[in-house]
Amino acid sequence: MSFQKSGAKSGPETNIEPMIMALPKGRILEEVMPIIRGAGIIPEPDFDNSKSRKLTFDTNHPLIKIIRVRSFDVATFVAFGAAHFGVAGNDVLLEFDYPEIYAPLDLDIGHCRLSVAELESLSIGDDPSRWSHVRVATKYPNLTRKHFAKRGVQAECIKLNGAMELAPSLGLCRRIVDLVSTGNTLKANGLVEIEKIIDITSRFIVNRTAFKIRNDEISEILKNIANRNDVK
């Protein structure tokens, strides 16, 4: 399988710049790698070495390299052209709303939802439709404000990057907006989900300029991902 432009040479003699694919660390990486491998892109063995400190990896294609970064950073690397394409959740895409990013394919992985949660004791008799002002801790201030603004609710957002579930019990705020999958983490911390903002999945994303310049190569990758046979 070739991902090169017609007539392009592979190997050290070529002057063509390798394309960079940005992938998110953590749970989504486990879900996305069968898709990447199923599309014929195989990373070097060190990619699967949990003790490796490398962040950039060669693949079986001389013109494709993989970088592993935090999920929130994938979109930034792609938007600013440091990576040509990658995988990011639509939560990240909507939070940053980078015009430089094109998201042509929903990979149907990373299923979860962005929701509002509060302490179970507070939820008894609480009516979200009567809110006029809310104070929430969240990693998603832009999405949160937009969601509440549609209902005429003023949202005061406290930006946290983790341990969101601690905020209500420690008095930082009464509610949080965070990703929810099974709901077990909320339950373990005395919280209940009271309102869903949006369903989340992961998307294949492309830098718009890169897509114009290297359309043949990226289009072939996109086609192979869409038609892949996932490899576990």
C-alpha atoms as a PDB file:
ATOM      1  CA  MET A   1       0.000   0.000   0.000  1.00  0.00           C
ATOM      2  CA  SER A   2       1.427   3.380  -0.985  1.00  0.00           C
ATOM      3  CA  PHE A   3       0.587   6.789   0.450  1.00  0.00           C
ATOM      4  CA  GLN A   4       2.859   8.787  -1.854  1.00  0.00           C
ATOM      5  CA  LYS A   5       2.109  11.129  -4.684  1.00  0.00           C
ATOM      6  CA  SER A   6       2.581   9.668  -8.124  1.00  0.00           C
ATOM      7  CA  GLY A   7       6.234   9.659  -9.058  1.00  0.00           C
ATOM      8  CA  ALA A   8       7.422  10.462  -5.506  1.00  0.00           C
ATOM      9  CA  LYS A   9      10.402   8.472  -4.286  1.00  0.00           C
ATOM     10  CA  SER A  10      10.606   7.024  -0.804  1.00  0.00           C
ATOM     11  CA  GLY A  11      13.666   6.598   1.365  1.00  0.00           C
ATOM     12  CA  PRO A  12      16.527   8.897   2.356  1.00  0.00           C
ATOM     13  CA  GLU A  13      17.039  10.198  -1.145  1.00  0.00           C
ATOM     14  CA  THR A  14      13.696  12.021  -1.240  1.00  0.00           C
ATOM     15  CA  ASN A  15      13.300  15.670  -0.292  1.00  0.00           C
ATOM     16  CA  ILE A  16       9.600  15.292   0.435  1.00  0.00           C
ATOM     17  CA  GLU A  17       8.778  16.193   4.029  1.00  0.00           C
ATOM     18  CA  PRO A  18       7.255  13.325   6.065  1.00  0.00           C
ATOM     19  CA  MET A  19       3.655  13.806   7.097  1.00  0.00           C
ATOM     20  CA  ILE A  20       2.961  13.895  10.831  1.00  0.00           C
ATOM     21  CA  MET A  21      -0.054  12.174  12.361  1.00  0.00           C
ATOM     22  CA  ALA A  22      -0.967  13.347  15.900  1.00  0.00           C
ATOM     23  CA  LEU A  23      -2.649  10.761  18.119  1.00  0.00           C
ATOM     24  CA  PRO A  24      -4.034  11.241  21.635  1.00  0.00           C
ATOM     25  CA  LYS A  25      -2.522   9.443  24.612  1.00  0.00           C
ATOM     26  CA  GLY A  26      -4.604   7.310  26.953  1.00  0.00           C
ATOM     27  CA  ARG A  27      -7.842   5.423  26.410  1.00  0.00           C
ATOM     28  CA  ILE A  28      -8.549   6.772  22.932  1.00  0.00           C
ATOM     29  CA  LEU A  29      -5.128   5.613  21.717  1.00  0.00           C
ATOM     30  CA  GLU A  30      -6.112   2.035  22.570  1.00  0.00           C
ATOM     31  CA  GLU A  31      -9.291   2.418  20.540  1.00  0.00           C
ATOM     32  CA  VAL A  32      -7.729   4.166  17.571  1.00  0.00           C
ATOM     33  CA  MET A  33      -4.685   1.940  16.971  1.00  0.00           C
ATOM     34  CA  PRO A  34      -6.681  -0.987  15.519  1.00  0.00           C
ATOM     35  CA  ILE A  35      -8.076   1.527  13.020  1.00  0.00           C
ATOM     36  CA  ILE A  36      -4.646   2.928  12.144  1.00  0.00           C
ATOM     37  CA  ARG A  37      -3.136  -0.528  11.764  1.00  0.00           C
ATOM     38  CA  GLY A  38      -6.184  -1.697   9.821  1.00  0.00           C
ATOM     39  CA  ALA A  39      -5.568   1.143   7.367  1.00  0.00           C
ATOM     40  CA  GLY A  40      -2.056  -0.209   6.756  1.00  0.00           C
ATOM     41  CA  ILE A  41      -0.056   2.227   8.918  1.00  0.00           C
ATOM     42  CA  ILE A  42       2.159   0.241  11.288  1.00  0.00           C
ATOM     43  CA  PRO A  43       4.317   2.103  13.836  1.00  0.00           C
ATOM     44  CA  GLU A  44       7.811   1.016  14.770  1.00  0.00           C
ATOM     45  CA  PRO A  45       8.048  -1.583  17.595  1.00  0.00           C
ATOM     46  CA  ASP A  46       9.068   1.042  20.158  1.00  0.00           C
ATOM     47  CA  PHE A  47       5.582   2.553  19.859  1.00  0.00           C
ATOM     48  CA  ASP A  48       4.211  -0.324  21.947  1.00  0.00           C
ATOM     49  CA  ASN A  49       6.988  -0.164  24.535  1.00  0.00           C
ATOM     50  CA  SER A  50       5.426   1.281  27.691  1.00  0.00           C
ATOM     51  CA  LYS A  51       8.877   2.233  29.001  1.00  0.00           C
ATOM     52  CA  SER A  52       9.836   4.221  25.909  1.00  0.00           C
ATOM     53  CA  ARG A  53      10.188   7.974  26.369  1.00  0.00           C
ATOM     54  CA  LYS A  54       9.959   8.667  22.640  1.00  0.00           C
ATOM     55  CA  LEU A  55       7.165  10.913  21.407  1.00  0.00           C
ATOM     56  CA  THR A  56       7.825  10.639  17.651  1.00  0.00           C
ATOM     57  CA  PHE A  57       7.712   7.289  15.887  1.00  0.00           C
ATOM     58  CA  ASP A  58       8.514   6.051  12.405  1.00  0.00           C
ATOM     59  CA  THR A  59       6.045   3.823  10.576  1.00  0.00           C
ATOM     60  CA  ASN A  60       6.253   1.299   7.753  1.00  0.00           C
ATOM     61  CA  HIS A  61       5.665   4.240   5.379  1.00  0.00           C
ATOM     62  CA  PRO A  62       8.761   6.469   4.970  1.00  0.00           C
ATOM     63  CA  LEU A  63       6.586   9.555   4.563  1.00  0.00           C
ATOM     64  CA  ILE A  64       4.397   9.045   7.648  1.00  0.00           C
ATOM     65  CA  LYS A  65       5.440   9.613  11.264  1.00  0.00           C
ATOM     66  CA  ILE A  66       3.311   9.431  14.403  1.00  0.00           C
ATOM     67  CA  ILE A  67       3.444  11.696  17.451  1.00  0.00           C
ATOM     68  CA  ARG A  68       1.656  11.016  20.756  1.00  0.00           C
ATOM     69  CA  VAL A  69       0.353  14.067  22.625  1.00  0.00           C
ATOM     70  CA  ARG A  70      -2.382  14.937  25.099  1.00  0.00           C
ATOM     71  CA  SER A  71      -5.871  14.728  23.646  1.00  0.00           C
ATOM     72  CA  PHE A  72      -6.442  18.479  24.018  1.00  0.00           C
ATOM     73  CA  ASP A  73      -3.183  19.204  22.199  1.00  0.00           C
ATOM     74  CA  VAL A  74      -3.897  17.147  19.069  1.00  0.00           C
ATOM     75  CA  ALA A  75      -6.164  19.847  17.654  1.00  0.00           C
ATOM     76  CA  THR A  76      -3.572  22.561  18.344  1.00  0.00           C
ATOM     77  CA  PHE A  77      -0.766  20.638  16.626  1.00  0.00           C
ATOM     78  CA  VAL A  78      -2.981  20.078  13.569  1.00  0.00           C
ATOM     79  CA  ALA A  79      -4.471  23.592  13.487  1.00  0.00           C
ATOM     80  CA  PHE A  80      -1.048  25.254  13.489  1.00  0.00           C
ATOM     81  CA  GLY A  81       0.455  22.865  10.957  1.00  0.00           C
ATOM     82  CA  ALA A  82       2.891  21.067  13.266  1.00  0.00           C
ATOM     83  CA  ALA A  83       0.969  17.904  12.373  1.00  0.00           C
ATOM     84  CA  HIS A  84      -0.723  17.275   9.050  1.00  0.00           C
ATOM     85  CA  PHE A  85      -3.599  15.182  10.418  1.00  0.00           C
ATOM     86  CA  GLY A  86      -4.668  13.329  13.540  1.00  0.00           C
ATOM     87  CA  VAL A  87      -7.485  12.098  15.745  1.00  0.00           C
ATOM     88  CA  ALA A  88      -9.455  14.295  18.157  1.00  0.00           C
ATOM     89  CA  GLY A  89     -12.789  14.203  19.932  1.00  0.00           C
ATOM     90  CA  ASN A  90     -15.481  16.596  18.826  1.00  0.00           C
ATOM     91  CA  ASP A  91     -15.447  17.971  22.384  1.00  0.00           C
ATOM     92  CA  VAL A  92     -11.971  19.358  21.712  1.00  0.00           C
ATOM     93  CA  LEU A  93     -12.905  20.530  18.209  1.00  0.00           C
ATOM     94  CA  LEU A  94     -15.953  22.407  19.464  1.00  0.00           C
ATOM     95  CA  GLU A  95     -14.116  23.886  22.451  1.00  0.00           C
ATOM     96  CA  PHE A  96     -11.358  25.426  20.316  1.00  0.00           C
ATOM     97  CA  ASP A  97     -13.306  25.825  17.044  1.00  0.00           C
ATOM     98  CA  TYR A  98     -10.148  26.162  14.946  1.00  0.00           C
ATOM     99  CA  PRO A  99     -11.061  27.220  11.372  1.00  0.00           C
ATOM    100  CA  GLU A 100      -7.833  25.599  10.138  1.00  0.00           C
ATOM    101  CA  ILE A 101      -9.150  22.110  10.949  1.00  0.00           C
ATOM    102  CA  TYR A 102     -11.204  19.956   8.597  1.00  0.00           C
ATOM    103  CA  ALA A 103     -12.910  16.926  10.212  1.00  0.00           C
ATOM    104  CA  PRO A 104     -14.108  14.708   7.339  1.00  0.00           C
ATOM    105  CA  LEU A 105     -14.601  11.394   9.155  1.00  0.00           C
ATOM    106  CA  ASP A 106     -16.283  10.255  12.380  1.00  0.00           C
ATOM    107  CA  LEU A 107     -14.315   7.199  13.551  1.00  0.00           C
ATOM    108  CA  ASP A 108     -17.161   5.954  15.781  1.00  0.00           C
ATOM    109  CA  ILE A 109     -14.844   5.508  18.783  1.00  0.00           C
ATOM    110  CA  GLY A 110     -14.355   7.319  22.094  1.00  0.00           C
ATOM    111  CA  HIS A 111     -18.079   7.392  22.800  1.00  0.00           C
ATOM    112  CA  CYS A 112     -19.036   9.496  25.812  1.00  0.00           C
ATOM    113  CA  ARG A 113     -20.957  12.673  26.540  1.00  0.00           C
ATOM    114  CA  LEU A 114     -20.318  16.125  27.945  1.00  0.00           C
ATOM    115  CA  SER A 115     -22.708  16.646  30.838  1.00  0.00           C
ATOM    116  CA  VAL A 116     -23.596  18.814  33.804  1.00  0.00           C
ATOM    117  CA  ALA A 117     -23.363  17.097  37.184  1.00  0.00           C
ATOM    118  CA  GLU A 118     -23.955  18.137  40.776  1.00  0.00           C
ATOM    119  CA  LEU A 119     -23.964  16.637  44.262  1.00  0.00           C
ATOM    120  CA  GLU A 120     -26.736  14.085  44.713  1.00  0.00           C
ATOM    121  CA  SER A 121     -28.034  15.985  47.745  1.00  0.00           C
ATOM    122  CA  LEU A 122     -28.389  19.148  45.651  1.00  0.00           C
ATOM    123  CA  SER A 123     -30.163  17.361  42.813  1.00  0.00           C
ATOM    124  CA  ILE A 124     -33.155  16.509  44.983  1.00  0.00           C
ATOM    125  CA  GLY A 125     -35.777  19.041  43.938  1.00  0.00           C
ATOM    126  CA  ASP A 126     -33.346  20.936  41.667  1.00  0.00           C
ATOM    127  CA  ASP A 127     -34.865  22.213  38.419  1.00  0.00           C
ATOM    128  CA  PRO A 128     -32.300  23.193  35.733  1.00  0.00           C
ATOM    129  CA  SER A 129     -35.003  25.000  33.756  1.00  0.00           C
ATOM    130  CA  ARG A 130     -35.220  27.611  36.522  1.00  0.00           C
ATOM    131  CA  TRP A 131     -31.522  28.463  36.596  1.00  0.00           C
ATOM    132  CA  SER A 132     -30.522  32.032  35.737  1.00  0.00           C
ATOM    133  CA  HIS A 133     -26.882  31.776  36.836  1.00  0.00           C
ATOM    134  CA  VAL A 134     -24.601  28.777  37.358  1.00  0.00           C
ATOM    135  CA  ARG A 135     -21.059  28.450  38.633  1.00  0.00           C
ATOM    136  CA  VAL A 136     -19.295  25.362  37.297  1.00  0.00           C
ATOM    137  CA  ALA A 137     -15.845  23.826  37.232  1.00  0.00           C
ATOM    138  CA  THR A 138     -14.921  22.567  33.777  1.00  0.00           C
ATOM    139  CA  LYS A 139     -12.236  21.877  31.238  1.00  0.00           C
ATOM    140  CA  TYR A 140     -14.627  23.245  28.601  1.00  0.00           C
ATOM    141  CA  PRO A 141     -15.447  26.893  29.408  1.00  0.00           C
ATOM    142  CA  ASN A 142     -16.325  27.864  25.825  1.00  0.00           C
ATOM    143  CA  LEU A 143     -18.670  24.930  25.222  1.00  0.00           C
ATOM    144  CA  THR A 144     -20.217  25.420  28.645  1.00  0.00           C
ATOM    145  CA  ARG A 145     -20.910  29.132  28.178  1.00  0.00           C
ATOM    146  CA  LYS A 146     -22.383  28.557  24.715  1.00  0.00           C
ATOM    147  CA  HIS A 147     -24.644  25.799  26.010  1.00  0.00           C
ATOM    148  CA  PHE A 148     -26.075  27.880  28.849  1.00  0.00           C
ATOM    149  CA  ALA A 149     -26.237  31.068  26.784  1.00  0.00           C
ATOM    150  CA  LYS A 150     -28.715  29.354  24.454  1.00  0.00           C
ATOM    151  CA  ARG A 151     -31.038  29.054  27.453  1.00  0.00           C
ATOM    152  CA  GLY A 152     -30.388  32.565  28.692  1.00  0.00           C
ATOM    153  CA  VAL A 153     -28.363  31.285  31.647  1.00  0.00           C
ATOM    154  CA  GLN A 154     -25.179  33.086  32.692  1.00  0.00           C
ATOM    155  CA  ALA A 155     -22.375  30.584  33.282  1.00  0.00           C
ATOM    156  CA  GLU A 156     -19.418  31.422  35.501  1.00  0.00           C
ATOM    157  CA  CYS A 157     -16.713  28.903  34.596  1.00  0.00           C
ATOM    158  CA  ILE A 158     -13.804  27.880  36.795  1.00  0.00           C
ATOM    159  CA  LYS A 159     -11.169  26.286  34.551  1.00  0.00           C
ATOM    160  CA  LEU A 160      -9.781  23.000  35.860  1.00  0.00           C
ATOM    161  CA  ASN A 161      -7.781  20.420  33.907  1.00  0.00           C
ATOM    162  CA  GLY A 162      -8.508  17.438  36.134  1.00  0.00           C
ATOM    163  CA  ALA A 163     -10.023  16.132  39.376  1.00  0.00           C
ATOM    164  CA  MET A 164     -13.238  17.909  38.436  1.00  0.00           C
ATOM    165  CA  GLU A 165     -15.319  15.711  40.730  1.00  0.00           C
ATOM    166  CA  LEU A 166     -13.629  17.192  43.819  1.00  0.00           C
ATOM    167  CA  ALA A 167     -14.847  20.724  43.155  1.00  0.00           C
ATOM    168  CA  PRO A 168     -18.428  20.456  44.552  1.00  0.00           C
ATOM    169  CA  SER A 169     -17.518  18.496  47.697  1.00  0.00           C
ATOM    170  CA  LEU A 170     -14.740  20.969  48.543  1.00  0.00           C
ATOM    171  CA  GLY A 171     -16.969  24.009  48.019  1.00  0.00           C
ATOM    172  CA  LEU A 172     -15.275  25.360  44.904  1.00  0.00           C
ATOM    173  CA  CYS A 173     -18.585  25.329  43.051  1.00  0.00           C
ATOM    174  CA  ARG A 174     -21.913  23.506  43.155  1.00  0.00           C
ATOM    175  CA  ARG A 175     -21.761  21.924  39.697  1.00  0.00           C
ATOM    176  CA  ILE A 176     -19.296  20.612  37.120  1.00  0.00           C
ATOM    177  CA  VAL A 177     -19.299  20.104  33.354  1.00  0.00           C
ATOM    178  CA  ASP A 178     -17.212  17.114  32.342  1.00  0.00           C
ATOM    179  CA  LEU A 179     -17.020  14.042  30.122  1.00  0.00           C
ATOM    180  CA  VAL A 180     -19.147  11.110  31.280  1.00  0.00           C
ATOM    181  CA  SER A 181     -18.868   7.553  30.034  1.00  0.00           C
ATOM    182  CA  THR A 182     -20.214   5.010  32.527  1.00  0.00           C
ATOM    183  CA  GLY A 183     -20.984   7.507  35.283  1.00  0.00           C
ATOM    184  CA  ASN A 184     -19.050   5.426  37.822  1.00  0.00           C
ATOM    185  CA  THR A 185     -16.609   8.233  38.677  1.00  0.00           C
ATOM    186  CA  LEU A 186     -19.476  10.621  39.345  1.00  0.00           C
ATOM    187  CA  LYS A 187     -21.215   8.081  41.557  1.00  0.00           C
ATOM    188  CA  ALA A 188     -18.035   7.355  43.511  1.00  0.00           C
ATOM    189  CA  ASN A 189     -17.773  11.052  44.336  1.00  0.00           C
ATOM    190  CA  GLY A 190     -21.407  11.602  45.299  1.00  0.00           C
ATOM    191  CA  LEU A 191     -22.388  13.299  42.041  1.00  0.00           C
ATOM    192  CA  VAL A 192     -25.250  12.716  39.628  1.00  0.00           C
ATOM    193  CA  GLU A 193     -25.597  13.647  35.965  1.00  0.00           C
ATOM    194  CA  ILE A 194     -28.459  16.086  35.530  1.00  0.00           C
ATOM    195  CA  GLU A 195     -28.121  17.418  31.981  1.00  0.00           C
ATOM    196  CA  LYS A 196     -26.399  16.248  28.793  1.00  0.00           C
ATOM    197  CA  ILE A 197     -24.773  18.933  26.666  1.00  0.00           C
ATOM    198  CA  ILE A 198     -23.496  16.911  23.698  1.00  0.00           C
ATOM    199  CA  ASP A 199     -22.575  13.374  22.615  1.00  0.00           C
ATOM    200  CA  ILE A 200     -18.877  12.862  21.893  1.00  0.00           C
ATOM    201  CA  THR A 201     -16.988  10.703  19.391  1.00  0.00           C
ATOM    202  CA  SER A 202     -13.485  10.910  17.948  1.00  0.00           C
ATOM    203  CA  ARG A 203     -12.884  12.287  14.443  1.00  0.00           C
ATOM    204  CA  PHE A 204     -10.116  12.067  11.847  1.00  0.00           C
ATOM    205  CA  ILE A 205      -8.962  15.654  11.420  1.00  0.00           C
ATOM    206  CA  VAL A 206      -6.788  17.354   8.797  1.00  0.00           C
ATOM    207  CA  ASN A 207      -5.001  20.681   8.528  1.00  0.00           C
ATOM    208  CA  ARG A 208      -6.785  22.493   5.682  1.00  0.00           C
ATOM    209  CA  THR A 209      -3.575  23.841   4.112  1.00  0.00           C
ATOM    210  CA  ALA A 210      -1.926  20.425   4.242  1.00  0.00           C
ATOM    211  CA  PHE A 211      -5.009  18.909   2.634  1.00  0.00           C
ATOM    212  CA  LYS A 212      -4.674  21.280  -0.313  1.00  0.00           C
ATOM    213  CA  ILE A 213      -0.924  20.822  -0.731  1.00  0.00           C
ATOM    214  CA  ARG A 214      -0.815  17.033  -0.241  1.00  0.00           C
ATOM    215  CA  ASN A 215      -4.334  16.141  -1.247  1.00  0.00           C
ATOM    216  CA  ASP A 216      -3.470  12.898  -3.064  1.00  0.00           C
ATOM    217  CA  GLU A 217      -1.604  11.411  -0.110  1.00  0.00           C
ATOM    218  CA  ILE A 218      -4.041  12.506   2.589  1.00  0.00           C
ATOM    219  CA  SER A 219      -7.070  11.504   0.519  1.00  0.00           C
ATOM    220  CA  GLU A 220      -5.617   8.010   0.158  1.00  0.00           C
ATOM    221  CA  ILE A 221      -5.044   7.771   3.909  1.00  0.00           C
ATOM    222  CA  LEU A 222      -8.603   8.952   4.516  1.00  0.00           C
ATOM    223  CA  LYS A 223      -9.933   6.352   2.070  1.00  0.00           C
ATOM    224  CA  ASN A 224      -7.924   3.567   3.686  1.00  0.00           C
ATOM    225  CA  ILE A 225      -9.113   4.528   7.153  1.00  0.00           C
ATOM    226  CA  ALA A 226     -12.735   4.643   5.998  1.00  0.00           C
ATOM    227  CA  ASN A 227     -12.369   1.215   4.350  1.00  0.00           C
ATOM    228  CA  ARG A 228     -10.056  -0.376   6.905  1.00  0.00           C
ATOM    229  CA  ASN A 229     -10.176  -3.813   8.473  1.00  0.00           C
ATOM    230  CA  ASP A 230      -9.443  -3.096  12.125  1.00  0.00           C
ATOM    231  CA  VAL A 231      -6.418  -4.958  13.508  1.00  0.00           C
ATOM    232  CA  LYS A 232      -6.456  -5.769  17.218  1.00  0.00           C
END
